[in-house]
């Protein structure tokens, strides 16, 4: 949870819903 908090400090996680599963 502390590591995730550190990651979130870099900004909102990007949304990849515009990409196909294969591309992800």
PDBML (XML) file of the C-alpha atoms, coordinates in Angstrom:
<?xml version="1.0" encoding="UTF-8" ?>
<PDBx:datablock datablockName="MODEL"
   xmlns:PDBx="http://pdbml.pdb.org/schema/pdbx-v50.xsd"
   xmlns:xsi="http://www.w3.org/2001/XMLSchema-instance"
   xsi:schemaLocation="http://pdbml.pdb.org/schema/pdbx-v50.xsd pdbx-v50.xsd">
   <PDBx:atom_siteCategory>
      <PDBx:atom_site id="1">
         <PDBx:B_iso_or_equiv>0.00</PDBx:B_iso_or_equiv>
         <PDBx:Cartn_x>0.000</PDBx:Cartn_x>
         <PDBx:Cartn_y>0.000</PDBx:Cartn_y>
         <PDBx:Cartn_z>0.000</PDBx:Cartn_z>
         <PDBx:auth_asym_id>A</PDBx:auth_asym_id>
         <PDBx:auth_atom_id>CA</PDBx:auth_atom_id>
         <PDBx:auth_comp_id>UNK</PDBx:auth_comp_id>
         <PDBx:auth_seq_id>1</PDBx:auth_seq_id>
         <PDBx:group_PDB>ATOM</PDBx:group_PDB>
         <PDBx:label_alt_id xsi:nil="true" />
         <PDBx:label_asym_id>A</PDBx:label_asym_id>
         <PDBx:label_atom_id>CA</PDBx:label_atom_id>
         <PDBx:label_comp_id>UNK</PDBx:label_comp_id>
         <PDBx:label_entity_id>1</PDBx:label_entity_id>
         <PDBx:label_seq_id>1</PDBx:label_seq_id>
         <PDBx:occupancy>1.00</PDBx:occupancy>
         <PDBx:pdbx_PDB_model_num>1</PDBx:pdbx_PDB_model_num>
         <PDBx:type_symbol>C</PDBx:type_symbol>
      </PDBx:atom_site>
      <PDBx:atom_site id="2">
         <PDBx:B_iso_or_equiv>0.00</PDBx:B_iso_or_equiv>
         <PDBx:Cartn_x>2.893</PDBx:Cartn_x>
         <PDBx:Cartn_y>2.375</PDBx:Cartn_y>
         <PDBx:Cartn_z>0.760</PDBx:Cartn_z>
         <PDBx:auth_asym_id>A</PDBx:auth_asym_id>
         <PDBx:auth_atom_id>CA</PDBx:auth_atom_id>
         <PDBx:auth_comp_id>UNK</PDBx:auth_comp_id>
         <PDBx:auth_seq_id>2</PDBx:auth_seq_id>
         <PDBx:group_PDB>ATOM</PDBx:group_PDB>
         <PDBx:label_alt_id xsi:nil="true" />
         <PDBx:label_asym_id>A</PDBx:label_asym_id>
         <PDBx:label_atom_id>CA</PDBx:label_atom_id>
         <PDBx:label_comp_id>UNK</PDBx:label_comp_id>
         <PDBx:label_entity_id>1</PDBx:label_entity_id>
         <PDBx:label_seq_id>2</PDBx:label_seq_id>
         <PDBx:occupancy>1.00</PDBx:occupancy>
         <PDBx:pdbx_PDB_model_num>1</PDBx:pdbx_PDB_model_num>
         <PDBx:type_symbol>C</PDBx:type_symbol>
      </PDBx:atom_site>
      <PDBx:atom_site id="3">
         <PDBx:B_iso_or_equiv>0.00</PDBx:B_iso_or_equiv>
         <PDBx:Cartn_x>4.494</PDBx:Cartn_x>
         <PDBx:Cartn_y>1.571</PDBx:Cartn_y>
         <PDBx:Cartn_z>-2.619</PDBx:Cartn_z>
         <PDBx:auth_asym_id>A</PDBx:auth_asym_id>
         <PDBx:auth_atom_id>CA</PDBx:auth_atom_id>
         <PDBx:auth_comp_id>UNK</PDBx:auth_comp_id>
         <PDBx:auth_seq_id>3</PDBx:auth_seq_id>
         <PDBx:group_PDB>ATOM</PDBx:group_PDB>
         <PDBx:label_alt_id xsi:nil="true" />
         <PDBx:label_asym_id>A</PDBx:label_asym_id>
         <PDBx:label_atom_id>CA</PDBx:label_atom_id>
         <PDBx:label_comp_id>UNK</PDBx:label_comp_id>
         <PDBx:label_entity_id>1</PDBx:label_entity_id>
         <PDBx:label_seq_id>3</PDBx:label_seq_id>
         <PDBx:occupancy>1.00</PDBx:occupancy>
         <PDBx:pdbx_PDB_model_num>1</PDBx:pdbx_PDB_model_num>
         <PDBx:type_symbol>C</PDBx:type_symbol>
      </PDBx:atom_site>
      <PDBx:atom_site id="4">
         <PDBx:B_iso_or_equiv>0.00</PDBx:B_iso_or_equiv>
         <PDBx:Cartn_x>1.181</PDBx:Cartn_x>
         <PDBx:Cartn_y>2.209</PDBx:Cartn_y>
         <PDBx:Cartn_z>-4.425</PDBx:Cartn_z>
         <PDBx:auth_asym_id>A</PDBx:auth_asym_id>
         <PDBx:auth_atom_id>CA</PDBx:auth_atom_id>
         <PDBx:auth_comp_id>UNK</PDBx:auth_comp_id>
         <PDBx:auth_seq_id>4</PDBx:auth_seq_id>
         <PDBx:group_PDB>ATOM</PDBx:group_PDB>
         <PDBx:label_alt_id xsi:nil="true" />
         <PDBx:label_asym_id>A</PDBx:label_asym_id>
         <PDBx:label_atom_id>CA</PDBx:label_atom_id>
         <PDBx:label_comp_id>UNK</PDBx:label_comp_id>
         <PDBx:label_entity_id>1</PDBx:label_entity_id>
         <PDBx:label_seq_id>4</PDBx:label_seq_id>
         <PDBx:occupancy>1.00</PDBx:occupancy>
         <PDBx:pdbx_PDB_model_num>1</PDBx:pdbx_PDB_model_num>
         <PDBx:type_symbol>C</PDBx:type_symbol>
      </PDBx:atom_site>
      <PDBx:atom_site id="5">
         <PDBx:B_iso_or_equiv>0.00</PDBx:B_iso_or_equiv>
         <PDBx:Cartn_x>0.964</PDBx:Cartn_x>
         <PDBx:Cartn_y>5.531</PDBx:Cartn_y>
         <PDBx:Cartn_z>-2.580</PDBx:Cartn_z>
         <PDBx:auth_asym_id>A</PDBx:auth_asym_id>
         <PDBx:auth_atom_id>CA</PDBx:auth_atom_id>
         <PDBx:auth_comp_id>UNK</PDBx:auth_comp_id>
         <PDBx:auth_seq_id>5</PDBx:auth_seq_id>
         <PDBx:group_PDB>ATOM</PDBx:group_PDB>
         <PDBx:label_alt_id xsi:nil="true" />
         <PDBx:label_asym_id>A</PDBx:label_asym_id>
         <PDBx:label_atom_id>CA</PDBx:label_atom_id>
         <PDBx:label_comp_id>UNK</PDBx:label_comp_id>
         <PDBx:label_entity_id>1</PDBx:label_entity_id>
         <PDBx:label_seq_id>5</PDBx:label_seq_id>
         <PDBx:occupancy>1.00</PDBx:occupancy>
         <PDBx:pdbx_PDB_model_num>1</PDBx:pdbx_PDB_model_num>
         <PDBx:type_symbol>C</PDBx:type_symbol>
      </PDBx:atom_site>
      <PDBx:atom_site id="6">
         <PDBx:B_iso_or_equiv>0.00</PDBx:B_iso_or_equiv>
         <PDBx:Cartn_x>4.446</PDBx:Cartn_x>
         <PDBx:Cartn_y>6.415</PDBx:Cartn_y>
         <PDBx:Cartn_z>-3.913</PDBx:Cartn_z>
         <PDBx:auth_asym_id>A</PDBx:auth_asym_id>
         <PDBx:auth_atom_id>CA</PDBx:auth_atom_id>
         <PDBx:auth_comp_id>UNK</PDBx:auth_comp_id>
         <PDBx:auth_seq_id>6</PDBx:auth_seq_id>
         <PDBx:group_PDB>ATOM</PDBx:group_PDB>
         <PDBx:label_alt_id xsi:nil="true" />
         <PDBx:label_asym_id>A</PDBx:label_asym_id>
         <PDBx:label_atom_id>CA</PDBx:label_atom_id>
         <PDBx:label_comp_id>UNK</PDBx:label_comp_id>
         <PDBx:label_entity_id>1</PDBx:label_entity_id>
         <PDBx:label_seq_id>6</PDBx:label_seq_id>
         <PDBx:occupancy>1.00</PDBx:occupancy>
         <PDBx:pdbx_PDB_model_num>1</PDBx:pdbx_PDB_model_num>
         <PDBx:type_symbol>C</PDBx:type_symbol>
      </PDBx:atom_site>
      <PDBx:atom_site id="7">
         <PDBx:B_iso_or_equiv>0.00</PDBx:B_iso_or_equiv>
         <PDBx:Cartn_x>3.353</PDBx:Cartn_x>
         <PDBx:Cartn_y>5.512</PDBx:Cartn_y>
         <PDBx:Cartn_z>-7.463</PDBx:Cartn_z>
         <PDBx:auth_asym_id>A</PDBx:auth_asym_id>
         <PDBx:auth_atom_id>CA</PDBx:auth_atom_id>
         <PDBx:auth_comp_id>UNK</PDBx:auth_comp_id>
         <PDBx:auth_seq_id>7</PDBx:auth_seq_id>
         <PDBx:group_PDB>ATOM</PDBx:group_PDB>
         <PDBx:label_alt_id xsi:nil="true" />
         <PDBx:label_asym_id>A</PDBx:label_asym_id>
         <PDBx:label_atom_id>CA</PDBx:label_atom_id>
         <PDBx:label_comp_id>UNK</PDBx:label_comp_id>
         <PDBx:label_entity_id>1</PDBx:label_entity_id>
         <PDBx:label_seq_id>7</PDBx:label_seq_id>
         <PDBx:occupancy>1.00</PDBx:occupancy>
         <PDBx:pdbx_PDB_model_num>1</PDBx:pdbx_PDB_model_num>
         <PDBx:type_symbol>C</PDBx:type_symbol>
      </PDBx:atom_site>
      <PDBx:atom_site id="8">
         <PDBx:B_iso_or_equiv>0.00</PDBx:B_iso_or_equiv>
         <PDBx:Cartn_x>0.196</PDBx:Cartn_x>
         <PDBx:Cartn_y>7.619</PDBx:Cartn_y>
         <PDBx:Cartn_z>-7.133</PDBx:Cartn_z>
         <PDBx:auth_asym_id>A</PDBx:auth_asym_id>
         <PDBx:auth_atom_id>CA</PDBx:auth_atom_id>
         <PDBx:auth_comp_id>UNK</PDBx:auth_comp_id>
         <PDBx:auth_seq_id>8</PDBx:auth_seq_id>
         <PDBx:group_PDB>ATOM</PDBx:group_PDB>
         <PDBx:label_alt_id xsi:nil="true" />
         <PDBx:label_asym_id>A</PDBx:label_asym_id>
         <PDBx:label_atom_id>CA</PDBx:label_atom_id>
         <PDBx:label_comp_id>UNK</PDBx:label_comp_id>
         <PDBx:label_entity_id>1</PDBx:label_entity_id>
         <PDBx:label_seq_id>8</PDBx:label_seq_id>
         <PDBx:occupancy>1.00</PDBx:occupancy>
         <PDBx:pdbx_PDB_model_num>1</PDBx:pdbx_PDB_model_num>
         <PDBx:type_symbol>C</PDBx:type_symbol>
      </PDBx:atom_site>
      <PDBx:atom_site id="9">
         <PDBx:B_iso_or_equiv>0.00</PDBx:B_iso_or_equiv>
         <PDBx:Cartn_x>2.382</PDBx:Cartn_x>
         <PDBx:Cartn_y>10.618</PDBx:Cartn_y>
         <PDBx:Cartn_z>-6.189</PDBx:Cartn_z>
         <PDBx:auth_asym_id>A</PDBx:auth_asym_id>
         <PDBx:auth_atom_id>CA</PDBx:auth_atom_id>
         <PDBx:auth_comp_id>UNK</PDBx:auth_comp_id>
         <PDBx:auth_seq_id>9</PDBx:auth_seq_id>
         <PDBx:group_PDB>ATOM</PDBx:group_PDB>
         <PDBx:label_alt_id xsi:nil="true" />
         <PDBx:label_asym_id>A</PDBx:label_asym_id>
         <PDBx:label_atom_id>CA</PDBx:label_atom_id>
         <PDBx:label_comp_id>UNK</PDBx:label_comp_id>
         <PDBx:label_entity_id>1</PDBx:label_entity_id>
         <PDBx:label_seq_id>9</PDBx:label_seq_id>
         <PDBx:occupancy>1.00</PDBx:occupancy>
         <PDBx:pdbx_PDB_model_num>1</PDBx:pdbx_PDB_model_num>
         <PDBx:type_symbol>C</PDBx:type_symbol>
      </PDBx:atom_site>
      <PDBx:atom_site id="10">
         <PDBx:B_iso_or_equiv>0.00</PDBx:B_iso_or_equiv>
         <PDBx:Cartn_x>3.514</PDBx:Cartn_x>
         <PDBx:Cartn_y>10.707</PDBx:Cartn_y>
         <PDBx:Cartn_z>-9.850</PDBx:Cartn_z>
         <PDBx:auth_asym_id>A</PDBx:auth_asym_id>
         <PDBx:auth_atom_id>CA</PDBx:auth_atom_id>
         <PDBx:auth_comp_id>UNK</PDBx:auth_comp_id>
         <PDBx:auth_seq_id>10</PDBx:auth_seq_id>
         <PDBx:group_PDB>ATOM</PDBx:group_PDB>
         <PDBx:label_alt_id xsi:nil="true" />
         <PDBx:label_asym_id>A</PDBx:label_asym_id>
         <PDBx:label_atom_id>CA</PDBx:label_atom_id>
         <PDBx:label_comp_id>UNK</PDBx:label_comp_id>
         <PDBx:label_entity_id>1</PDBx:label_entity_id>
         <PDBx:label_seq_id>10</PDBx:label_seq_id>
         <PDBx:occupancy>1.00</PDBx:occupancy>
         <PDBx:pdbx_PDB_model_num>1</PDBx:pdbx_PDB_model_num>
         <PDBx:type_symbol>C</PDBx:type_symbol>
      </PDBx:atom_site>
      <PDBx:atom_site id="11">
         <PDBx:B_iso_or_equiv>0.00</PDBx:B_iso_or_equiv>
         <PDBx:Cartn_x>-0.023</PDBx:Cartn_x>
         <PDBx:Cartn_y>11.510</PDBx:Cartn_y>
         <PDBx:Cartn_z>-10.957</PDBx:Cartn_z>
         <PDBx:auth_asym_id>A</PDBx:auth_asym_id>
         <PDBx:auth_atom_id>CA</PDBx:auth_atom_id>
         <PDBx:auth_comp_id>UNK</PDBx:auth_comp_id>
         <PDBx:auth_seq_id>11</PDBx:auth_seq_id>
         <PDBx:group_PDB>ATOM</PDBx:group_PDB>
         <PDBx:label_alt_id xsi:nil="true" />
         <PDBx:label_asym_id>A</PDBx:label_asym_id>
         <PDBx:label_atom_id>CA</PDBx:label_atom_id>
         <PDBx:label_comp_id>UNK</PDBx:label_comp_id>
         <PDBx:label_entity_id>1</PDBx:label_entity_id>
         <PDBx:label_seq_id>11</PDBx:label_seq_id>
         <PDBx:occupancy>1.00</PDBx:occupancy>
         <PDBx:pdbx_PDB_model_num>1</PDBx:pdbx_PDB_model_num>
         <PDBx:type_symbol>C</PDBx:type_symbol>
      </PDBx:atom_site>
      <PDBx:atom_site id="12">
         <PDBx:B_iso_or_equiv>0.00</PDBx:B_iso_or_equiv>
         <PDBx:Cartn_x>-3.200</PDBx:Cartn_x>
         <PDBx:Cartn_y>9.755</PDBx:Cartn_y>
         <PDBx:Cartn_z>-11.965</PDBx:Cartn_z>
         <PDBx:auth_asym_id>A</PDBx:auth_asym_id>
         <PDBx:auth_atom_id>CA</PDBx:auth_atom_id>
         <PDBx:auth_comp_id>UNK</PDBx:auth_comp_id>
         <PDBx:auth_seq_id>12</PDBx:auth_seq_id>
         <PDBx:group_PDB>ATOM</PDBx:group_PDB>
         <PDBx:label_alt_id xsi:nil="true" />
         <PDBx:label_asym_id>A</PDBx:label_asym_id>
         <PDBx:label_atom_id>CA</PDBx:label_atom_id>
         <PDBx:label_comp_id>UNK</PDBx:label_comp_id>
         <PDBx:label_entity_id>1</PDBx:label_entity_id>
         <PDBx:label_seq_id>12</PDBx:label_seq_id>
         <PDBx:occupancy>1.00</PDBx:occupancy>
         <PDBx:pdbx_PDB_model_num>1</PDBx:pdbx_PDB_model_num>
         <PDBx:type_symbol>C</PDBx:type_symbol>
      </PDBx:atom_site>
      <PDBx:atom_site id="13">
         <PDBx:B_iso_or_equiv>0.00</PDBx:B_iso_or_equiv>
         <PDBx:Cartn_x>-2.730</PDBx:Cartn_x>
         <PDBx:Cartn_y>6.308</PDBx:Cartn_y>
         <PDBx:Cartn_z>-13.495</PDBx:Cartn_z>
         <PDBx:auth_asym_id>A</PDBx:auth_asym_id>
         <PDBx:auth_atom_id>CA</PDBx:auth_atom_id>
         <PDBx:auth_comp_id>UNK</PDBx:auth_comp_id>
         <PDBx:auth_seq_id>13</PDBx:auth_seq_id>
         <PDBx:group_PDB>ATOM</PDBx:group_PDB>
         <PDBx:label_alt_id xsi:nil="true" />
         <PDBx:label_asym_id>A</PDBx:label_asym_id>
         <PDBx:label_atom_id>CA</PDBx:label_atom_id>
         <PDBx:label_comp_id>UNK</PDBx:label_comp_id>
         <PDBx:label_entity_id>1</PDBx:label_entity_id>
         <PDBx:label_seq_id>13</PDBx:label_seq_id>
         <PDBx:occupancy>1.00</PDBx:occupancy>
         <PDBx:pdbx_PDB_model_num>1</PDBx:pdbx_PDB_model_num>
         <PDBx:type_symbol>C</PDBx:type_symbol>
      </PDBx:atom_site>
      <PDBx:atom_site id="14">
         <PDBx:B_iso_or_equiv>0.00</PDBx:B_iso_or_equiv>
         <PDBx:Cartn_x>-3.289</PDBx:Cartn_x>
         <PDBx:Cartn_y>6.393</PDBx:Cartn_y>
         <PDBx:Cartn_z>-17.254</PDBx:Cartn_z>
         <PDBx:auth_asym_id>A</PDBx:auth_asym_id>
         <PDBx:auth_atom_id>CA</PDBx:auth_atom_id>
         <PDBx:auth_comp_id>UNK</PDBx:auth_comp_id>
         <PDBx:auth_seq_id>14</PDBx:auth_seq_id>
         <PDBx:group_PDB>ATOM</PDBx:group_PDB>
         <PDBx:label_alt_id xsi:nil="true" />
         <PDBx:label_asym_id>A</PDBx:label_asym_id>
         <PDBx:label_atom_id>CA</PDBx:label_atom_id>
         <PDBx:label_comp_id>UNK</PDBx:label_comp_id>
         <PDBx:label_entity_id>1</PDBx:label_entity_id>
         <PDBx:label_seq_id>14</PDBx:label_seq_id>
         <PDBx:occupancy>1.00</PDBx:occupancy>
         <PDBx:pdbx_PDB_model_num>1</PDBx:pdbx_PDB_model_num>
         <PDBx:type_symbol>C</PDBx:type_symbol>
      </PDBx:atom_site>
      <PDBx:atom_site id="15">
         <PDBx:B_iso_or_equiv>0.00</PDBx:B_iso_or_equiv>
         <PDBx:Cartn_x>-6.474</PDBx:Cartn_x>
         <PDBx:Cartn_y>4.934</PDBx:Cartn_y>
         <PDBx:Cartn_z>-18.735</PDBx:Cartn_z>
         <PDBx:auth_asym_id>A</PDBx:auth_asym_id>
         <PDBx:auth_atom_id>CA</PDBx:auth_atom_id>
         <PDBx:auth_comp_id>UNK</PDBx:auth_comp_id>
         <PDBx:auth_seq_id>15</PDBx:auth_seq_id>
         <PDBx:group_PDB>ATOM</PDBx:group_PDB>
         <PDBx:label_alt_id xsi:nil="true" />
         <PDBx:label_asym_id>A</PDBx:label_asym_id>
         <PDBx:label_atom_id>CA</PDBx:label_atom_id>
         <PDBx:label_comp_id>UNK</PDBx:label_comp_id>
         <PDBx:label_entity_id>1</PDBx:label_entity_id>
         <PDBx:label_seq_id>15</PDBx:label_seq_id>
         <PDBx:occupancy>1.00</PDBx:occupancy>
         <PDBx:pdbx_PDB_model_num>1</PDBx:pdbx_PDB_model_num>
         <PDBx:type_symbol>C</PDBx:type_symbol>
      </PDBx:atom_site>
      <PDBx:atom_site id="16">
         <PDBx:B_iso_or_equiv>0.00</PDBx:B_iso_or_equiv>
         <PDBx:Cartn_x>-5.760</PDBx:Cartn_x>
         <PDBx:Cartn_y>2.281</PDBx:Cartn_y>
         <PDBx:Cartn_z>-21.398</PDBx:Cartn_z>
         <PDBx:auth_asym_id>A</PDBx:auth_asym_id>
         <PDBx:auth_atom_id>CA</PDBx:auth_atom_id>
         <PDBx:auth_comp_id>UNK</PDBx:auth_comp_id>
         <PDBx:auth_seq_id>16</PDBx:auth_seq_id>
         <PDBx:group_PDB>ATOM</PDBx:group_PDB>
         <PDBx:label_alt_id xsi:nil="true" />
         <PDBx:label_asym_id>A</PDBx:label_asym_id>
         <PDBx:label_atom_id>CA</PDBx:label_atom_id>
         <PDBx:label_comp_id>UNK</PDBx:label_comp_id>
         <PDBx:label_entity_id>1</PDBx:label_entity_id>
         <PDBx:label_seq_id>16</PDBx:label_seq_id>
         <PDBx:occupancy>1.00</PDBx:occupancy>
         <PDBx:pdbx_PDB_model_num>1</PDBx:pdbx_PDB_model_num>
         <PDBx:type_symbol>C</PDBx:type_symbol>
      </PDBx:atom_site>
      <PDBx:atom_site id="17">
         <PDBx:B_iso_or_equiv>0.00</PDBx:B_iso_or_equiv>
         <PDBx:Cartn_x>-9.384</PDBx:Cartn_x>
         <PDBx:Cartn_y>1.472</PDBx:Cartn_y>
         <PDBx:Cartn_z>-22.217</PDBx:Cartn_z>
         <PDBx:auth_asym_id>A</PDBx:auth_asym_id>
         <PDBx:auth_atom_id>CA</PDBx:auth_atom_id>
         <PDBx:auth_comp_id>UNK</PDBx:auth_comp_id>
         <PDBx:auth_seq_id>17</PDBx:auth_seq_id>
         <PDBx:group_PDB>ATOM</PDBx:group_PDB>
         <PDBx:label_alt_id xsi:nil="true" />
         <PDBx:label_asym_id>A</PDBx:label_asym_id>
         <PDBx:label_atom_id>CA</PDBx:label_atom_id>
         <PDBx:label_comp_id>UNK</PDBx:label_comp_id>
         <PDBx:label_entity_id>1</PDBx:label_entity_id>
         <PDBx:label_seq_id>17</PDBx:label_seq_id>
         <PDBx:occupancy>1.00</PDBx:occupancy>
         <PDBx:pdbx_PDB_model_num>1</PDBx:pdbx_PDB_model_num>
         <PDBx:type_symbol>C</PDBx:type_symbol>
      </PDBx:atom_site>
      <PDBx:atom_site id="18">
         <PDBx:B_iso_or_equiv>0.00</PDBx:B_iso_or_equiv>
         <PDBx:Cartn_x>-8.831</PDBx:Cartn_x>
         <PDBx:Cartn_y>2.836</PDBx:Cartn_y>
         <PDBx:Cartn_z>-25.763</PDBx:Cartn_z>
         <PDBx:auth_asym_id>A</PDBx:auth_asym_id>
         <PDBx:auth_atom_id>CA</PDBx:auth_atom_id>
         <PDBx:auth_comp_id>UNK</PDBx:auth_comp_id>
         <PDBx:auth_seq_id>18</PDBx:auth_seq_id>
         <PDBx:group_PDB>ATOM</PDBx:group_PDB>
         <PDBx:label_alt_id xsi:nil="true" />
         <PDBx:label_asym_id>A</PDBx:label_asym_id>
         <PDBx:label_atom_id>CA</PDBx:label_atom_id>
         <PDBx:label_comp_id>UNK</PDBx:label_comp_id>
         <PDBx:label_entity_id>1</PDBx:label_entity_id>
         <PDBx:label_seq_id>18</PDBx:label_seq_id>
         <PDBx:occupancy>1.00</PDBx:occupancy>
         <PDBx:pdbx_PDB_model_num>1</PDBx:pdbx_PDB_model_num>
         <PDBx:type_symbol>C</PDBx:type_symbol>
      </PDBx:atom_site>
      <PDBx:atom_site id="19">
         <PDBx:B_iso_or_equiv>0.00</PDBx:B_iso_or_equiv>
         <PDBx:Cartn_x>-6.336</PDBx:Cartn_x>
         <PDBx:Cartn_y>0.007</PDBx:Cartn_y>
         <PDBx:Cartn_z>-26.432</PDBx:Cartn_z>
         <PDBx:auth_asym_id>A</PDBx:auth_asym_id>
         <PDBx:auth_atom_id>CA</PDBx:auth_atom_id>
         <PDBx:auth_comp_id>UNK</PDBx:auth_comp_id>
         <PDBx:auth_seq_id>19</PDBx:auth_seq_id>
         <PDBx:group_PDB>ATOM</PDBx:group_PDB>
         <PDBx:label_alt_id xsi:nil="true" />
         <PDBx:label_asym_id>A</PDBx:label_asym_id>
         <PDBx:label_atom_id>CA</PDBx:label_atom_id>
         <PDBx:label_comp_id>UNK</PDBx:label_comp_id>
         <PDBx:label_entity_id>1</PDBx:label_entity_id>
         <PDBx:label_seq_id>19</PDBx:label_seq_id>
         <PDBx:occupancy>1.00</PDBx:occupancy>
         <PDBx:pdbx_PDB_model_num>1</PDBx:pdbx_PDB_model_num>
         <PDBx:type_symbol>C</PDBx:type_symbol>
      </PDBx:atom_site>
      <PDBx:atom_site id="20">
         <PDBx:B_iso_or_equiv>0.00</PDBx:B_iso_or_equiv>
         <PDBx:Cartn_x>-7.125</PDBx:Cartn_x>
         <PDBx:Cartn_y>-3.611</PDBx:Cartn_y>
         <PDBx:Cartn_z>-27.293</PDBx:Cartn_z>
         <PDBx:auth_asym_id>A</PDBx:auth_asym_id>
         <PDBx:auth_atom_id>CA</PDBx:auth_atom_id>
         <PDBx:auth_comp_id>UNK</PDBx:auth_comp_id>
         <PDBx:auth_seq_id>20</PDBx:auth_seq_id>
         <PDBx:group_PDB>ATOM</PDBx:group_PDB>
         <PDBx:label_alt_id xsi:nil="true" />
         <PDBx:label_asym_id>A</PDBx:label_asym_id>
         <PDBx:label_atom_id>CA</PDBx:label_atom_id>
         <PDBx:label_comp_id>UNK</PDBx:label_comp_id>
         <PDBx:label_entity_id>1</PDBx:label_entity_id>
         <PDBx:label_seq_id>20</PDBx:label_seq_id>
         <PDBx:occupancy>1.00</PDBx:occupancy>
         <PDBx:pdbx_PDB_model_num>1</PDBx:pdbx_PDB_model_num>
         <PDBx:type_symbol>C</PDBx:type_symbol>
      </PDBx:atom_site>
      <PDBx:atom_site id="21">
         <PDBx:B_iso_or_equiv>0.00</PDBx:B_iso_or_equiv>
         <PDBx:Cartn_x>-6.094</PDBx:Cartn_x>
         <PDBx:Cartn_y>-6.412</PDBx:Cartn_y>
         <PDBx:Cartn_z>-24.898</PDBx:Cartn_z>
         <PDBx:auth_asym_id>A</PDBx:auth_asym_id>
         <PDBx:auth_atom_id>CA</PDBx:auth_atom_id>
         <PDBx:auth_comp_id>UNK</PDBx:auth_comp_id>
         <PDBx:auth_seq_id>21</PDBx:auth_seq_id>
         <PDBx:group_PDB>ATOM</PDBx:group_PDB>
         <PDBx:label_alt_id xsi:nil="true" />
         <PDBx:label_asym_id>A</PDBx:label_asym_id>
         <PDBx:label_atom_id>CA</PDBx:label_atom_id>
         <PDBx:label_comp_id>UNK</PDBx:label_comp_id>
         <PDBx:label_entity_id>1</PDBx:label_entity_id>
         <PDBx:label_seq_id>21</PDBx:label_seq_id>
         <PDBx:occupancy>1.00</PDBx:occupancy>
         <PDBx:pdbx_PDB_model_num>1</PDBx:pdbx_PDB_model_num>
         <PDBx:type_symbol>C</PDBx:type_symbol>
      </PDBx:atom_site>
      <PDBx:atom_site id="22">
         <PDBx:B_iso_or_equiv>0.00</PDBx:B_iso_or_equiv>
         <PDBx:Cartn_x>-3.533</PDBx:Cartn_x>
         <PDBx:Cartn_y>-7.599</PDBx:Cartn_y>
         <PDBx:Cartn_z>-27.446</PDBx:Cartn_z>
         <PDBx:auth_asym_id>A</PDBx:auth_asym_id>
         <PDBx:auth_atom_id>CA</PDBx:auth_atom_id>
         <PDBx:auth_comp_id>UNK</PDBx:auth_comp_id>
         <PDBx:auth_seq_id>22</PDBx:auth_seq_id>
         <PDBx:group_PDB>ATOM</PDBx:group_PDB>
         <PDBx:label_alt_id xsi:nil="true" />
         <PDBx:label_asym_id>A</PDBx:label_asym_id>
         <PDBx:label_atom_id>CA</PDBx:label_atom_id>
         <PDBx:label_comp_id>UNK</PDBx:label_comp_id>
         <PDBx:label_entity_id>1</PDBx:label_entity_id>
         <PDBx:label_seq_id>22</PDBx:label_seq_id>
         <PDBx:occupancy>1.00</PDBx:occupancy>
         <PDBx:pdbx_PDB_model_num>1</PDBx:pdbx_PDB_model_num>
         <PDBx:type_symbol>C</PDBx:type_symbol>
      </PDBx:atom_site>
      <PDBx:atom_site id="23">
         <PDBx:B_iso_or_equiv>0.00</PDBx:B_iso_or_equiv>
         <PDBx:Cartn_x>-1.961</PDBx:Cartn_x>
         <PDBx:Cartn_y>-4.141</PDBx:Cartn_y>
         <PDBx:Cartn_z>-27.640</PDBx:Cartn_z>
         <PDBx:auth_asym_id>A</PDBx:auth_asym_id>
         <PDBx:auth_atom_id>CA</PDBx:auth_atom_id>
         <PDBx:auth_comp_id>UNK</PDBx:auth_comp_id>
         <PDBx:auth_seq_id>23</PDBx:auth_seq_id>
         <PDBx:group_PDB>ATOM</PDBx:group_PDB>
         <PDBx:label_alt_id xsi:nil="true" />
         <PDBx:label_asym_id>A</PDBx:label_asym_id>
         <PDBx:label_atom_id>CA</PDBx:label_atom_id>
         <PDBx:label_comp_id>UNK</PDBx:label_comp_id>
         <PDBx:label_entity_id>1</PDBx:label_entity_id>
         <PDBx:label_seq_id>23</PDBx:label_seq_id>
         <PDBx:occupancy>1.00</PDBx:occupancy>
         <PDBx:pdbx_PDB_model_num>1</PDBx:pdbx_PDB_model_num>
         <PDBx:type_symbol>C</PDBx:type_symbol>
      </PDBx:atom_site>
      <PDBx:atom_site id="24">
         <PDBx:B_iso_or_equiv>0.00</PDBx:B_iso_or_equiv>
         <PDBx:Cartn_x>-1.845</PDBx:Cartn_x>
         <PDBx:Cartn_y>-3.842</PDBx:Cartn_y>
         <PDBx:Cartn_z>-23.829</PDBx:Cartn_z>
         <PDBx:auth_asym_id>A</PDBx:auth_asym_id>
         <PDBx:auth_atom_id>CA</PDBx:auth_atom_id>
         <PDBx:auth_comp_id>UNK</PDBx:auth_comp_id>
         <PDBx:auth_seq_id>24</PDBx:auth_seq_id>
         <PDBx:group_PDB>ATOM</PDBx:group_PDB>
         <PDBx:label_alt_id xsi:nil="true" />
         <PDBx:label_asym_id>A</PDBx:label_asym_id>
         <PDBx:label_atom_id>CA</PDBx:label_atom_id>
         <PDBx:label_comp_id>UNK</PDBx:label_comp_id>
         <PDBx:label_entity_id>1</PDBx:label_entity_id>
         <PDBx:label_seq_id>24</PDBx:label_seq_id>
         <PDBx:occupancy>1.00</PDBx:occupancy>
         <PDBx:pdbx_PDB_model_num>1</PDBx:pdbx_PDB_model_num>
         <PDBx:type_symbol>C</PDBx:type_symbol>
      </PDBx:atom_site>
   </PDBx:atom_siteCategory>
</PDBx:datablock>
